[in-house]
Amino acid sequence: MSAEQEQDGRQIRCLVAKVGLDGHDRGAHVIARAFRDAGFEVVYSGLHRSPEEVVQAAVQEDVDVLGISILSGAHNTLVPKIMDGLREYDAFEDTLVLVGGIIPDDDKDTLKSAGVAEIFGPGASMDEMIEYVRAHAPERR
């Protein structure tokens, strides 16, 4: 079984989500393509999704990984709402949540306290992100 697959033979399923009014999605598309090329199954949310829409998509698609791309500066408001929504649906423990974008150093601890596993900023290596997902994606029961 390849590193991209879990114990039950499924590919790692990822949702790449754009939340809020942020209309810049080139980075999200680059991440989605890199994850697909690495063998992950990827769903892209499209632009301007509410936290509730992102949670619904993550739950309905039964994703292992939720990658939130946010460049709008609203990360301290929107990301915790997503984390709370995942908890409401009992999906928090089974979902690795990553955040990508321009996140000030002073805000990283706040996001991690909310449950974000890792934050990848500008210049992060695609290989680093892919290996992080492979190493940390939850195993299916």
N, C-alpha and C. Protein backbone atom coordinates (compact mmCIF):
# COMPACT_ATOMS: atom_id res chain seq x y z
N MET A 1 0.84 -1.17 0.00
CA MET A 1 0.00 0.00 0.00
C MET A 1 0.89 1.23 0.00
N SER A 2 0.54 2.21 -0.82
CA SER A 2 1.37 3.40 -0.93
C SER A 2 1.17 4.34 0.25
N ALA A 3 2.09 5.27 0.39
CA ALA A 3 2.02 6.23 1.50
C ALA A 3 0.80 7.12 1.40
N GLU A 4 0.23 7.28 0.19
CA GLU A 4 -0.93 8.14 0.00
C GLU A 4 -2.21 7.50 0.50
N GLN A 5 -2.18 6.20 0.73
CA GLN A 5 -3.38 5.49 1.11
C GLN A 5 -3.37 5.18 2.60
N GLU A 6 -4.57 5.06 3.13
CA GLU A 6 -4.71 4.71 4.53
C GLU A 6 -4.82 3.21 4.67
N GLN A 7 -4.97 2.75 5.89
CA GLN A 7 -4.99 1.32 6.15
C GLN A 7 -6.10 0.60 5.43
N ASP A 8 -7.23 1.25 5.20
CA ASP A 8 -8.34 0.58 4.53
C ASP A 8 -8.25 0.66 3.02
N GLY A 9 -7.15 1.20 2.50
CA GLY A 9 -6.95 1.25 1.06
C GLY A 9 -7.49 2.50 0.40
N ARG A 10 -8.12 3.38 1.14
CA ARG A 10 -8.64 4.63 0.59
C ARG A 10 -7.54 5.66 0.41
N GLN A 11 -7.73 6.51 -0.57
CA GLN A 11 -6.85 7.67 -0.69
C GLN A 11 -7.17 8.64 0.43
N ILE A 12 -6.18 9.42 0.80
CA ILE A 12 -6.42 10.50 1.75
C ILE A 12 -7.31 11.52 1.05
N ARG A 13 -8.42 11.87 1.69
CA ARG A 13 -9.38 12.83 1.12
C ARG A 13 -9.15 14.20 1.74
N CYS A 14 -9.02 15.21 0.87
CA CYS A 14 -8.74 16.57 1.31
C CYS A 14 -9.77 17.54 0.76
N LEU A 15 -10.15 18.49 1.58
CA LEU A 15 -10.95 19.62 1.13
C LEU A 15 -10.07 20.86 1.23
N VAL A 16 -9.89 21.54 0.11
CA VAL A 16 -9.19 22.82 0.09
C VAL A 16 -10.27 23.88 0.04
N ALA A 17 -10.33 24.71 1.08
CA ALA A 17 -11.45 25.64 1.24
C ALA A 17 -10.99 27.09 1.26
N LYS A 18 -11.75 27.93 0.59
CA LYS A 18 -11.59 29.38 0.63
C LYS A 18 -12.75 29.93 1.43
N VAL A 19 -12.44 30.55 2.56
CA VAL A 19 -13.49 31.03 3.46
C VAL A 19 -13.50 32.55 3.49
N GLY A 20 -14.68 33.12 3.61
CA GLY A 20 -14.82 34.56 3.75
C GLY A 20 -14.76 35.28 2.42
N LEU A 21 -14.43 36.54 2.48
CA LEU A 21 -14.47 37.40 1.30
C LEU A 21 -13.19 37.38 0.48
N ASP A 22 -12.24 36.59 0.88
CA ASP A 22 -10.97 36.47 0.19
C ASP A 22 -11.21 35.93 -1.23
N GLY A 23 -10.84 36.70 -2.23
CA GLY A 23 -11.04 36.29 -3.61
C GLY A 23 -9.79 35.81 -4.31
N HIS A 24 -8.71 35.67 -3.58
CA HIS A 24 -7.44 35.25 -4.18
C HIS A 24 -7.29 33.74 -4.01
N ASP A 25 -7.42 33.01 -5.10
CA ASP A 25 -7.42 31.55 -4.98
C ASP A 25 -6.32 30.84 -5.75
N ARG A 26 -5.36 31.57 -6.27
CA ARG A 26 -4.28 30.92 -7.01
C ARG A 26 -3.53 29.92 -6.13
N GLY A 27 -3.20 30.32 -4.90
CA GLY A 27 -2.50 29.43 -3.98
C GLY A 27 -3.31 28.18 -3.67
N ALA A 28 -4.61 28.34 -3.49
CA ALA A 28 -5.47 27.18 -3.21
C ALA A 28 -5.46 26.21 -4.38
N HIS A 29 -5.47 26.75 -5.60
CA HIS A 29 -5.42 25.89 -6.78
C HIS A 29 -4.08 25.17 -6.88
N VAL A 30 -3.01 25.86 -6.55
CA VAL A 30 -1.68 25.24 -6.58
C VAL A 30 -1.61 24.10 -5.56
N ILE A 31 -2.13 24.33 -4.36
CA ILE A 31 -2.13 23.29 -3.33
C ILE A 31 -2.98 22.11 -3.77
N ALA A 32 -4.16 22.40 -4.29
CA ALA A 32 -5.06 21.32 -4.74
C ALA A 32 -4.37 20.47 -5.81
N ARG A 33 -3.71 21.09 -6.74
CA ARG A 33 -3.01 20.35 -7.81
C ARG A 33 -1.87 19.51 -7.23
N ALA A 34 -1.09 20.11 -6.32
CA ALA A 34 0.03 19.38 -5.71
C ALA A 34 -0.48 18.17 -4.92
N PHE A 35 -1.57 18.35 -4.19
CA PHE A 35 -2.14 17.23 -3.44
C PHE A 35 -2.65 16.14 -4.38
N ARG A 36 -3.30 16.52 -5.47
CA ARG A 36 -3.76 15.53 -6.46
C ARG A 36 -2.56 14.78 -7.05
N ASP A 37 -1.53 15.54 -7.41
CA ASP A 37 -0.33 14.92 -7.99
C ASP A 37 0.34 13.97 -7.01
N ALA A 38 0.16 14.22 -5.71
CA ALA A 38 0.74 13.36 -4.68
C ALA A 38 -0.13 12.12 -4.42
N GLY A 39 -1.29 12.06 -5.08
CA GLY A 39 -2.14 10.88 -4.94
C GLY A 39 -3.32 11.07 -3.99
N PHE A 40 -3.51 12.27 -3.47
CA PHE A 40 -4.63 12.53 -2.58
C PHE A 40 -5.88 12.79 -3.42
N GLU A 41 -7.03 12.48 -2.86
CA GLU A 41 -8.30 12.85 -3.47
C GLU A 41 -8.64 14.25 -2.95
N VAL A 42 -8.91 15.19 -3.87
CA VAL A 42 -9.07 16.59 -3.48
C VAL A 42 -10.41 17.14 -3.95
N VAL A 43 -11.08 17.85 -3.04
CA VAL A 43 -12.29 18.60 -3.34
C VAL A 43 -11.94 20.06 -3.09
N TYR A 44 -12.34 20.95 -4.02
CA TYR A 44 -12.11 22.38 -3.85
C TYR A 44 -13.45 23.06 -3.59
N SER A 45 -13.52 23.91 -2.59
CA SER A 45 -14.78 24.52 -2.18
C SER A 45 -15.27 25.63 -3.10
N GLY A 46 -14.37 26.26 -3.83
CA GLY A 46 -14.74 27.47 -4.54
C GLY A 46 -14.56 28.66 -3.62
N LEU A 47 -14.78 29.84 -4.16
CA LEU A 47 -14.55 31.08 -3.42
C LEU A 47 -15.71 31.46 -2.51
N HIS A 48 -15.39 32.30 -1.55
CA HIS A 48 -16.38 33.01 -0.72
C HIS A 48 -17.30 32.08 0.07
N ARG A 49 -16.75 31.06 0.67
CA ARG A 49 -17.56 30.14 1.47
C ARG A 49 -17.65 30.64 2.91
N SER A 50 -18.80 30.41 3.50
CA SER A 50 -18.98 30.74 4.91
C SER A 50 -18.37 29.61 5.74
N PRO A 51 -18.07 29.87 7.01
CA PRO A 51 -17.58 28.79 7.86
C PRO A 51 -18.55 27.60 7.88
N GLU A 52 -19.85 27.88 7.91
CA GLU A 52 -20.84 26.81 7.93
C GLU A 52 -20.79 25.97 6.65
N GLU A 53 -20.60 26.62 5.50
CA GLU A 53 -20.49 25.88 4.24
C GLU A 53 -19.24 25.01 4.22
N VAL A 54 -18.15 25.51 4.75
CA VAL A 54 -16.91 24.73 4.79
C VAL A 54 -17.11 23.51 5.68
N VAL A 55 -17.72 23.69 6.84
CA VAL A 55 -17.97 22.56 7.75
C VAL A 55 -18.87 21.54 7.07
N GLN A 56 -19.95 22.00 6.46
CA GLN A 56 -20.87 21.08 5.79
C GLN A 56 -20.15 20.28 4.70
N ALA A 57 -19.32 20.95 3.91
CA ALA A 57 -18.58 20.26 2.85
C ALA A 57 -17.63 19.23 3.44
N ALA A 58 -16.92 19.60 4.51
CA ALA A 58 -15.98 18.67 5.13
C ALA A 58 -16.70 17.43 5.66
N VAL A 59 -17.85 17.64 6.28
CA VAL A 59 -18.62 16.52 6.84
C VAL A 59 -19.22 15.67 5.72
N GLN A 60 -19.85 16.31 4.75
CA GLN A 60 -20.50 15.57 3.66
C GLN A 60 -19.50 14.81 2.81
N GLU A 61 -18.34 15.39 2.59
CA GLU A 61 -17.31 14.73 1.77
C GLU A 61 -16.47 13.75 2.59
N ASP A 62 -16.69 13.71 3.90
CA ASP A 62 -15.97 12.79 4.79
C ASP A 62 -14.46 12.90 4.58
N VAL A 63 -13.96 14.14 4.69
CA VAL A 63 -12.55 14.37 4.42
C VAL A 63 -11.68 14.02 5.62
N ASP A 64 -10.46 13.67 5.32
CA ASP A 64 -9.45 13.41 6.34
C ASP A 64 -8.70 14.68 6.68
N VAL A 65 -8.58 15.57 5.68
CA VAL A 65 -7.80 16.79 5.81
C VAL A 65 -8.62 17.97 5.30
N LEU A 66 -8.63 19.03 6.09
CA LEU A 66 -9.26 20.28 5.68
C LEU A 66 -8.17 21.34 5.62
N GLY A 67 -7.90 21.82 4.42
CA GLY A 67 -6.93 22.89 4.22
C GLY A 67 -7.67 24.18 3.99
N ILE A 68 -7.50 25.13 4.88
CA ILE A 68 -8.19 26.41 4.79
C ILE A 68 -7.20 27.44 4.26
N SER A 69 -7.52 28.02 3.12
CA SER A 69 -6.70 29.07 2.54
C SER A 69 -7.36 30.41 2.85
N ILE A 70 -6.61 31.29 3.52
CA ILE A 70 -7.19 32.57 3.90
C ILE A 70 -6.14 33.67 3.83
N LEU A 71 -6.46 34.69 3.08
CA LEU A 71 -5.54 35.82 2.91
C LEU A 71 -6.20 37.14 3.32
N SER A 72 -7.42 37.10 3.77
CA SER A 72 -8.20 38.30 4.02
C SER A 72 -7.91 38.98 5.35
N GLY A 73 -7.21 38.31 6.26
CA GLY A 73 -6.97 38.86 7.58
C GLY A 73 -8.04 38.51 8.59
N ALA A 74 -9.06 37.76 8.16
CA ALA A 74 -10.17 37.40 9.05
C ALA A 74 -9.97 36.02 9.68
N HIS A 75 -8.76 35.53 9.70
CA HIS A 75 -8.49 34.17 10.18
C HIS A 75 -8.88 33.97 11.64
N ASN A 76 -8.69 34.98 12.50
CA ASN A 76 -9.02 34.82 13.92
C ASN A 76 -10.52 34.76 14.17
N THR A 77 -11.31 35.20 13.22
CA THR A 77 -12.77 35.13 13.33
C THR A 77 -13.31 33.88 12.65
N LEU A 78 -12.87 33.64 11.42
CA LEU A 78 -13.47 32.58 10.60
C LEU A 78 -12.97 31.18 10.95
N VAL A 79 -11.70 31.03 11.19
CA VAL A 79 -11.15 29.69 11.47
C VAL A 79 -11.73 29.09 12.76
N PRO A 80 -11.81 29.84 13.87
CA PRO A 80 -12.43 29.25 15.07
C PRO A 80 -13.89 28.83 14.85
N LYS A 81 -14.62 29.55 14.00
CA LYS A 81 -16.00 29.15 13.69
C LYS A 81 -16.01 27.80 12.98
N ILE A 82 -15.06 27.58 12.10
CA ILE A 82 -14.96 26.28 11.41
C ILE A 82 -14.62 25.19 12.42
N MET A 83 -13.68 25.48 13.30
CA MET A 83 -13.29 24.47 14.30
C MET A 83 -14.48 24.12 15.20
N ASP A 84 -15.24 25.14 15.62
CA ASP A 84 -16.43 24.89 16.44
C ASP A 84 -17.45 24.06 15.69
N GLY A 85 -17.62 24.34 14.40
CA GLY A 85 -18.55 23.57 13.58
C GLY A 85 -18.13 22.12 13.45
N LEU A 86 -16.85 21.87 13.27
CA LEU A 86 -16.37 20.49 13.20
C LEU A 86 -16.65 19.76 14.51
N ARG A 87 -16.48 20.45 15.61
CA ARG A 87 -16.77 19.84 16.92
C ARG A 87 -18.26 19.53 17.05
N GLU A 88 -19.12 20.44 16.59
CA GLU A 88 -20.57 20.21 16.66
C GLU A 88 -20.99 18.95 15.91
N TYR A 89 -20.30 18.65 14.82
CA TYR A 89 -20.62 17.47 14.01
C TYR A 89 -19.76 16.26 14.38
N ASP A 90 -19.06 16.34 15.49
CA ASP A 90 -18.17 15.26 15.92
C ASP A 90 -17.16 14.88 14.83
N ALA A 91 -16.72 15.87 14.07
CA ALA A 91 -15.77 15.62 12.99
C ALA A 91 -14.39 16.17 13.32
N PHE A 92 -14.25 16.82 14.47
CA PHE A 92 -12.98 17.46 14.81
C PHE A 92 -11.86 16.44 14.98
N GLU A 93 -12.11 15.38 15.72
CA GLU A 93 -11.07 14.39 16.02
C GLU A 93 -10.61 13.64 14.76
N ASP A 94 -11.47 13.55 13.76
CA ASP A 94 -11.17 12.78 12.55
C ASP A 94 -10.71 13.66 11.39
N THR A 95 -10.47 14.94 11.64
CA THR A 95 -10.11 15.86 10.56
C THR A 95 -8.84 16.62 10.92
N LEU A 96 -7.82 16.47 10.11
CA LEU A 96 -6.59 17.25 10.25
C LEU A 96 -6.83 18.61 9.61
N VAL A 97 -6.74 19.67 10.38
CA VAL A 97 -7.01 21.01 9.86
C VAL A 97 -5.70 21.77 9.71
N LEU A 98 -5.49 22.25 8.49
CA LEU A 98 -4.31 23.05 8.15
C LEU A 98 -4.78 24.42 7.68
N VAL A 99 -3.99 25.43 7.94
CA VAL A 99 -4.29 26.78 7.46
C VAL A 99 -3.12 27.25 6.64
N GLY A 100 -3.44 27.85 5.50
CA GLY A 100 -2.43 28.44 4.64
C GLY A 100 -2.79 29.88 4.34
N GLY A 101 -1.78 30.69 4.23
CA GLY A 101 -2.00 32.10 3.93
C GLY A 101 -1.05 32.97 4.71
N ILE A 102 -1.39 34.22 4.76
CA ILE A 102 -0.55 35.18 5.47
C ILE A 102 -1.10 35.32 6.89
N ILE A 103 -0.48 34.62 7.81
CA ILE A 103 -0.91 34.61 9.21
C ILE A 103 0.20 35.24 10.04
N PRO A 104 -0.06 36.36 10.69
CA PRO A 104 0.98 36.97 11.53
C PRO A 104 1.41 36.02 12.65
N ASP A 105 2.68 36.07 12.99
CA ASP A 105 3.21 35.20 14.04
C ASP A 105 2.41 35.31 15.34
N ASP A 106 1.95 36.52 15.66
CA ASP A 106 1.19 36.72 16.90
C ASP A 106 -0.14 35.98 16.91
N ASP A 107 -0.64 35.58 15.75
CA ASP A 107 -1.94 34.91 15.66
C ASP A 107 -1.83 33.38 15.59
N LYS A 108 -0.65 32.87 15.36
CA LYS A 108 -0.49 31.42 15.16
C LYS A 108 -0.88 30.62 16.40
N ASP A 109 -0.48 31.06 17.58
CA ASP A 109 -0.83 30.34 18.80
C ASP A 109 -2.34 30.32 19.02
N THR A 110 -3.02 31.41 18.68
CA THR A 110 -4.47 31.47 18.82
C THR A 110 -5.14 30.42 17.94
N LEU A 111 -4.69 30.31 16.70
CA LEU A 111 -5.27 29.34 15.77
C LEU A 111 -4.96 27.91 16.21
N LYS A 112 -3.75 27.69 16.67
CA LYS A 112 -3.41 26.34 17.14
C LYS A 112 -4.20 25.99 18.40
N SER A 113 -4.44 26.96 19.26
CA SER A 113 -5.27 26.71 20.45
C SER A 113 -6.70 26.36 20.07
N ALA A 114 -7.15 26.88 18.93
CA ALA A 114 -8.50 26.57 18.45
C ALA A 114 -8.58 25.16 17.85
N GLY A 115 -7.40 24.55 17.59
CA GLY A 115 -7.39 23.19 17.06
C GLY A 115 -6.72 23.01 15.72
N VAL A 116 -6.19 24.07 15.14
CA VAL A 116 -5.47 23.97 13.87
C VAL A 116 -4.18 23.18 14.12
N ALA A 117 -3.93 22.19 13.28
CA ALA A 117 -2.75 21.34 13.46
C ALA A 117 -1.47 22.04 13.02
N GLU A 118 -1.53 22.71 11.87
CA GLU A 118 -0.32 23.35 11.34
C GLU A 118 -0.70 24.52 10.46
N ILE A 119 0.20 25.48 10.37
CA ILE A 119 0.01 26.68 9.56
C ILE A 119 1.17 26.76 8.58
N PHE A 120 0.82 26.91 7.30
CA PHE A 120 1.83 27.02 6.25
C PHE A 120 1.71 28.40 5.61
N GLY A 121 2.77 29.17 5.69
CA GLY A 121 2.75 30.52 5.15
C GLY A 121 3.41 30.59 3.79
N PRO A 122 3.56 31.80 3.28
CA PRO A 122 4.22 32.00 1.99
C PRO A 122 5.61 31.35 1.99
N GLY A 123 5.93 30.71 0.91
CA GLY A 123 7.23 30.08 0.78
C GLY A 123 7.31 28.67 1.33
N ALA A 124 6.21 28.18 1.92
CA ALA A 124 6.23 26.80 2.44
C ALA A 124 6.41 25.84 1.26
N SER A 125 7.17 24.82 1.50
CA SER A 125 7.46 23.83 0.47
C SER A 125 6.28 22.88 0.26
N MET A 126 5.96 22.62 -1.01
CA MET A 126 4.89 21.66 -1.32
C MET A 126 5.24 20.29 -0.74
N ASP A 127 6.49 19.90 -0.87
CA ASP A 127 6.92 18.60 -0.34
C ASP A 127 6.71 18.54 1.17
N GLU A 128 7.00 19.65 1.86
CA GLU A 128 6.81 19.71 3.31
C GLU A 128 5.33 19.52 3.66
N MET A 129 4.46 20.18 2.92
CA MET A 129 3.02 20.06 3.18
C MET A 129 2.52 18.64 2.92
N ILE A 130 2.94 18.07 1.81
CA ILE A 130 2.51 16.71 1.45
C ILE A 130 3.00 15.71 2.49
N GLU A 131 4.24 15.83 2.89
CA GLU A 131 4.77 14.91 3.90
C GLU A 131 4.07 15.10 5.24
N TYR A 132 3.72 16.34 5.57
CA TYR A 132 2.98 16.59 6.81
C TYR A 132 1.63 15.87 6.78
N VAL A 133 0.94 16.00 5.66
CA VAL A 133 -0.36 15.33 5.53
C VAL A 133 -0.19 13.82 5.62
N ARG A 134 0.77 13.27 4.93
CA ARG A 134 0.99 11.82 4.97
C ARG A 134 1.28 11.34 6.39
N ALA A 135 2.04 12.13 7.13
CA ALA A 135 2.43 11.74 8.48
C ALA A 135 1.33 11.94 9.52
N HIS A 136 0.40 12.88 9.27
CA HIS A 136 -0.55 13.26 10.31
C HIS A 136 -2.02 13.04 9.98
N ALA A 137 -2.34 12.67 8.75
CA ALA A 137 -3.76 12.44 8.42
C ALA A 137 -4.32 11.34 9.30
N PRO A 138 -5.50 11.55 9.85
CA PRO A 138 -6.09 10.53 10.74
C PRO A 138 -6.34 9.23 9.99
N GLU A 139 -6.14 8.15 10.70
CA GLU A 139 -6.46 6.83 10.14
C GLU A 139 -7.94 6.56 10.30
N ARG A 140 -8.50 5.94 9.31
CA ARG A 140 -9.93 5.60 9.35
C ARG A 140 -10.14 4.37 10.19
N ARG A 141 -11.28 4.36 10.87
CA ARG A 141 -11.63 3.19 11.69
C ARG A 141 -12.32 2.16 10.85
